[in-house]
Amino acid sequence: MFYRDIKAAWQQGKVRVGLPAQGHGTTVTVEASGVLGLKAMFLSSAEKSLLAKAAKGDAQRVANNP
């Protein structure tokens, strides 16, 4: 529902996406303040999964770039 807003804010650094450690569940957390925090509370599990996929891809790019 608010996926586009949250993803755009994440790309700007206003939202933090917490990924679970490998092998320790599938819970993705989305941290934001103000209106963005309220919007993040209404993300569906599918939308959180999409954000997690984007965050994992970003982490991989950072890890592979020396």
Protein backbone atom coordinates (compact mmCIF):
# COMPACT_ATOMS: atom_id res chain seq x y z
CA MET A 1 0.00 0.00 0.00
CA PHE A 2 2.80 2.41 0.96
CA TYR A 3 5.62 0.42 -0.62
CA ARG A 4 6.69 3.10 -3.10
CA ASP A 5 6.86 5.81 -0.41
CA ILE A 6 8.88 3.62 1.95
CA LYS A 7 11.23 2.39 -0.76
CA ALA A 8 11.90 5.94 -1.96
CA ALA A 9 12.57 7.05 1.62
CA TRP A 10 14.89 4.04 2.14
CA GLN A 11 16.86 5.02 -0.97
CA GLN A 12 17.20 8.53 0.49
CA GLY A 13 18.42 7.12 3.81
CA LYS A 14 15.35 8.09 5.83
CA VAL A 15 14.22 4.52 6.51
CA ARG A 16 16.21 1.57 7.87
CA VAL A 17 15.45 -1.98 6.77
CA GLY A 18 16.56 -4.62 9.26
CA LEU A 19 17.39 -8.03 7.83
CA PRO A 20 17.51 -11.20 9.92
CA ALA A 21 20.80 -13.01 10.36
CA GLN A 22 21.19 -15.92 7.98
CA GLY A 23 19.46 -18.97 9.43
CA HIS A 24 17.63 -17.00 12.15
CA GLY A 25 14.12 -16.48 10.84
CA THR A 26 12.53 -14.36 8.18
CA THR A 27 11.39 -11.30 10.13
CA VAL A 28 12.16 -8.05 8.32
CA THR A 29 11.94 -4.85 10.33
CA VAL A 30 11.35 -1.42 8.90
CA GLU A 31 12.33 1.53 11.08
CA ALA A 32 11.25 5.08 10.36
CA SER A 33 9.98 8.08 12.26
CA GLY A 34 6.96 10.30 11.83
CA VAL A 35 4.54 9.67 9.01
CA LEU A 36 6.96 7.26 7.36
CA GLY A 37 6.94 5.15 10.53
CA LEU A 38 3.17 5.05 10.43
CA LYS A 39 3.20 4.05 6.77
CA ALA A 40 5.79 1.35 7.51
CA MET A 41 3.46 -0.23 10.04
CA PHE A 42 0.95 -0.90 7.27
CA LEU A 43 3.33 -2.68 4.89
CA SER A 44 2.23 -6.17 3.98
CA SER A 45 4.60 -9.11 4.36
CA ALA A 46 4.99 -9.22 0.56
CA GLU A 47 6.01 -5.55 0.53
CA LYS A 48 8.48 -6.14 3.37
CA SER A 49 9.92 -9.03 1.38
CA LEU A 50 10.45 -6.74 -1.61
CA LEU A 51 12.24 -4.22 0.60
CA ALA A 52 14.37 -7.00 2.06
CA LYS A 53 15.32 -8.15 -1.43
CA ALA A 54 16.36 -4.61 -2.36
CA ALA A 55 18.34 -4.22 0.88
CA LYS A 56 20.09 -7.57 0.36
CA GLY A 57 21.03 -6.55 -3.19
CA ASP A 58 22.41 -3.26 -1.88
CA ALA A 59 24.41 -5.06 0.79
CA GLN A 60 25.85 -7.43 -1.81
CA ARG A 61 26.92 -4.50 -4.01
CA VAL A 62 28.66 -2.88 -1.05
CA ALA A 63 30.36 -6.14 -0.03
CA ASN A 64 31.60 -6.80 -3.58
CA ASN A 65 32.92 -3.27 -4.11
CA PRO A 66 36.40 -3.06 -2.52
